[in-house]
Amino acid sequence: MSDSLSELRRQVERISSSGTIWFAATLLGAAIPLAGLLDSGWRPGDLPATNAIAWWVGAALVVAAIGSIAWAGCPVWVYEIETEHRLKARAIRGGLLVFAAGSIISLVAVLAAPA
């Protein structure tokens, strides 16, 4: 195996291991605030229609992002190493970006709702 291929393999292994950590972090980052809201008696249906739509869009983005990060952290490789590296790198970077965006959208939807 050439040096560049072994370097790509090491990078994919690094992405997979860091992806596992990011997966756990995003699960906790989504579950803890949601559990606090639900435990306090809050429900998405309590939001005005516009805020509820924004909250559900944000929640869908968070779920999609967690799925993307989970795939990036999966140690199973099904493509050639170059393709695997490109896809996993994009999945983890994009997943983190979408997770942040979805979290902010959902948070703003809740905080902007009248009390």
C-alpha atoms as a PDB file:
ATOM      1  CA  MET A   1       0.000   0.000   0.000  1.00  0.00           C
ATOM      2  CA  SER A   2       1.402   3.389  -0.905  1.00  0.00           C
ATOM      3  CA  ASP A   3       2.150   6.043   1.698  1.00  0.00           C
ATOM      4  CA  SER A   4      -0.750   8.208   0.566  1.00  0.00           C
ATOM      5  CA  LEU A   5      -3.199   5.318   0.877  1.00  0.00           C
ATOM      6  CA  SER A   6      -1.925   4.382   4.325  1.00  0.00           C
ATOM      7  CA  GLU A   7      -2.186   8.044   5.351  1.00  0.00           C
ATOM      8  CA  LEU A   8      -5.784   8.118   4.086  1.00  0.00           C
ATOM      9  CA  ARG A   9      -6.501   4.921   6.014  1.00  0.00           C
ATOM     10  CA  ARG A  10      -5.134   6.511   9.206  1.00  0.00           C
ATOM     11  CA  GLN A  11      -7.240   9.609   8.617  1.00  0.00           C
ATOM     12  CA  VAL A  12     -10.387   7.529   8.075  1.00  0.00           C
ATOM     13  CA  GLU A  13      -9.634   5.618  11.280  1.00  0.00           C
ATOM     14  CA  ARG A  14      -9.181   8.936  13.107  1.00  0.00           C
ATOM     15  CA  ILE A  15     -12.453  10.263  11.683  1.00  0.00           C
ATOM     16  CA  SER A  16     -14.218   7.068  12.753  1.00  0.00           C
ATOM     17  CA  SER A  17     -12.889   7.251  16.305  1.00  0.00           C
ATOM     18  CA  SER A  18     -13.571  10.971  16.688  1.00  0.00           C
ATOM     19  CA  GLY A  19     -16.963  10.428  15.047  1.00  0.00           C
ATOM     20  CA  THR A  20     -17.865   8.042  17.849  1.00  0.00           C
ATOM     21  CA  ILE A  21     -17.019  10.708  20.420  1.00  0.00           C
ATOM     22  CA  TRP A  22     -18.936  13.397  18.506  1.00  0.00           C
ATOM     23  CA  PHE A  23     -21.896  11.007  18.210  1.00  0.00           C
ATOM     24  CA  ALA A  24     -22.042  10.564  21.984  1.00  0.00           C
ATOM     25  CA  ALA A  25     -21.595  14.310  22.533  1.00  0.00           C
ATOM     26  CA  THR A  26     -24.400  15.248  20.139  1.00  0.00           C
ATOM     27  CA  LEU A  27     -26.745  12.678  21.658  1.00  0.00           C
ATOM     28  CA  LEU A  28     -26.138  14.152  25.096  1.00  0.00           C
ATOM     29  CA  GLY A  29     -26.267  17.694  23.712  1.00  0.00           C
ATOM     30  CA  ALA A  30     -29.720  17.029  22.299  1.00  0.00           C
ATOM     31  CA  ALA A  31     -31.109  14.752  25.016  1.00  0.00           C
ATOM     32  CA  ILE A  32     -30.241  16.745  28.137  1.00  0.00           C
ATOM     33  CA  PRO A  33     -31.955  20.036  27.164  1.00  0.00           C
ATOM     34  CA  LEU A  34     -34.927  18.182  25.670  1.00  0.00           C
ATOM     35  CA  ALA A  35     -35.307  16.071  28.811  1.00  0.00           C
ATOM     36  CA  GLY A  36     -35.249  19.221  30.937  1.00  0.00           C
ATOM     37  CA  LEU A  37     -37.931  20.861  28.808  1.00  0.00           C
ATOM     38  CA  LEU A  38     -40.157  17.788  28.786  1.00  0.00           C
ATOM     39  CA  ASP A  39     -39.678  17.209  32.516  1.00  0.00           C
ATOM     40  CA  SER A  40     -40.843  20.757  33.212  1.00  0.00           C
ATOM     41  CA  GLY A  41     -44.107  20.002  31.425  1.00  0.00           C
ATOM     42  CA  TRP A  42     -43.273  21.835  28.202  1.00  0.00           C
ATOM     43  CA  ARG A  43     -44.464  20.292  24.926  1.00  0.00           C
ATOM     44  CA  PRO A  44     -43.833  21.408  21.313  1.00  0.00           C
ATOM     45  CA  GLY A  45     -47.590  21.778  20.943  1.00  0.00           C
ATOM     46  CA  ASP A  46     -47.463  24.625  23.488  1.00  0.00           C
ATOM     47  CA  LEU A  47     -45.661  26.813  20.938  1.00  0.00           C
ATOM     48  CA  PRO A  48     -47.450  29.191  18.560  1.00  0.00           C
ATOM     49  CA  ALA A  49     -47.729  27.732  15.030  1.00  0.00           C
ATOM     50  CA  THR A  50     -44.737  29.602  13.558  1.00  0.00           C
ATOM     51  CA  ASN A  51     -42.499  28.726  16.487  1.00  0.00           C
ATOM     52  CA  ALA A  52     -43.679  25.114  16.412  1.00  0.00           C
ATOM     53  CA  ILE A  53     -42.778  24.794  12.726  1.00  0.00           C
ATOM     54  CA  ALA A  54     -39.342  26.290  13.420  1.00  0.00           C
ATOM     55  CA  TRP A  55     -38.867  23.941  16.389  1.00  0.00           C
ATOM     56  CA  TRP A  56     -39.765  20.857  14.330  1.00  0.00           C
ATOM     57  CA  VAL A  57     -37.495  21.964  11.458  1.00  0.00           C
ATOM     58  CA  GLY A  58     -34.654  22.418  13.947  1.00  0.00           C
ATOM     59  CA  ALA A  59     -35.406  19.057  15.559  1.00  0.00           C
ATOM     60  CA  ALA A  60     -35.380  17.339  12.142  1.00  0.00           C
ATOM     61  CA  LEU A  61     -32.030  18.945  11.348  1.00  0.00           C
ATOM     62  CA  VAL A  62     -30.622  17.726  14.674  1.00  0.00           C
ATOM     63  CA  VAL A  63     -31.819  14.171  13.996  1.00  0.00           C
ATOM     64  CA  ALA A  64     -30.359  14.206  10.467  1.00  0.00           C
ATOM     65  CA  ALA A  65     -27.078  15.574  11.818  1.00  0.00           C
ATOM     66  CA  ILE A  66     -26.836  12.883  14.485  1.00  0.00           C
ATOM     67  CA  GLY A  67     -27.427  10.266  11.780  1.00  0.00           C
ATOM     68  CA  SER A  68     -24.670  11.772   9.652  1.00  0.00           C
ATOM     69  CA  ILE A  69     -22.252  11.826  12.572  1.00  0.00           C
ATOM     70  CA  ALA A  70     -23.189   8.237  13.471  1.00  0.00           C
ATOM     71  CA  TRP A  71     -22.356   7.126   9.938  1.00  0.00           C
ATOM     72  CA  ALA A  72     -19.037   8.992  10.037  1.00  0.00           C
ATOM     73  CA  GLY A  73     -18.179   7.212  13.282  1.00  0.00           C
ATOM     74  CA  CYS A  74     -19.117   3.782  11.942  1.00  0.00           C
ATOM     75  CA  PRO A  75     -15.967   1.676  11.552  1.00  0.00           C
ATOM     76  CA  VAL A  76     -17.400  -0.291   8.616  1.00  0.00           C
ATOM     77  CA  TRP A  77     -15.950   0.759   5.269  1.00  0.00           C
ATOM     78  CA  VAL A  78     -17.851  -0.054   2.090  1.00  0.00           C
ATOM     79  CA  TYR A  79     -16.073   2.122  -0.471  1.00  0.00           C
ATOM     80  CA  GLU A  80     -12.532   2.527  -1.726  1.00  0.00           C
ATOM     81  CA  ILE A  81     -10.377   4.360   0.797  1.00  0.00           C
ATOM     82  CA  GLU A  82     -10.313   7.635  -1.147  1.00  0.00           C
ATOM     83  CA  THR A  83     -14.104   7.704  -1.403  1.00  0.00           C
ATOM     84  CA  GLU A  84     -14.529   6.613   2.208  1.00  0.00           C
ATOM     85  CA  HIS A  85     -12.232   9.416   3.388  1.00  0.00           C
ATOM     86  CA  ARG A  86     -14.054  12.065   1.373  1.00  0.00           C
ATOM     87  CA  LEU A  87     -17.520  10.912   2.472  1.00  0.00           C
ATOM     88  CA  LYS A  88     -16.700  10.479   6.160  1.00  0.00           C
ATOM     89  CA  ALA A  89     -14.895  13.828   6.339  1.00  0.00           C
ATOM     90  CA  ARG A  90     -17.870  15.579   4.766  1.00  0.00           C
ATOM     91  CA  ALA A  91     -20.342  13.666   6.930  1.00  0.00           C
ATOM     92  CA  ILE A  92     -18.710  14.645  10.200  1.00  0.00           C
ATOM     93  CA  ARG A  93     -18.085  18.270   9.252  1.00  0.00           C
ATOM     94  CA  GLY A  94     -21.523  18.717   7.718  1.00  0.00           C
ATOM     95  CA  GLY A  95     -23.156  16.827  10.571  1.00  0.00           C
ATOM     96  CA  LEU A  96     -21.624  19.110  13.175  1.00  0.00           C
ATOM     97  CA  LEU A  97     -22.615  22.208  11.211  1.00  0.00           C
ATOM     98  CA  VAL A  98     -26.204  21.005  10.727  1.00  0.00           C
ATOM     99  CA  PHE A  99     -26.387  19.947  14.399  1.00  0.00           C
ATOM    100  CA  ALA A 100     -25.403  23.444  15.490  1.00  0.00           C
ATOM    101  CA  ALA A 101     -27.867  25.069  13.076  1.00  0.00           C
ATOM    102  CA  GLY A 102     -30.739  22.801  14.110  1.00  0.00           C
ATOM    103  CA  SER A 103     -30.014  23.338  17.788  1.00  0.00           C
ATOM    104  CA  ILE A 104     -29.966  27.113  17.385  1.00  0.00           C
ATOM    105  CA  ILE A 105     -33.201  27.109  15.345  1.00  0.00           C
ATOM    106  CA  SER A 106     -34.987  24.994  17.963  1.00  0.00           C
ATOM    107  CA  LEU A 107     -33.617  27.040  20.835  1.00  0.00           C
ATOM    108  CA  VAL A 108     -34.648  30.346  19.273  1.00  0.00           C
ATOM    109  CA  ALA A 109     -38.116  28.929  18.525  1.00  0.00           C
ATOM    110  CA  VAL A 110     -38.592  28.076  22.212  1.00  0.00           C
ATOM    111  CA  LEU A 111     -37.047  31.244  23.612  1.00  0.00           C
ATOM    112  CA  ALA A 112     -38.910  33.571  21.215  1.00  0.00           C
ATOM    113  CA  ALA A 113     -42.309  32.131  22.134  1.00  0.00           C
ATOM    114  CA  PRO A 114     -44.481  34.233  24.415  1.00  0.00           C
ATOM    115  CA  ALA A 115     -44.427  33.017  28.005  1.00  0.00           C
END
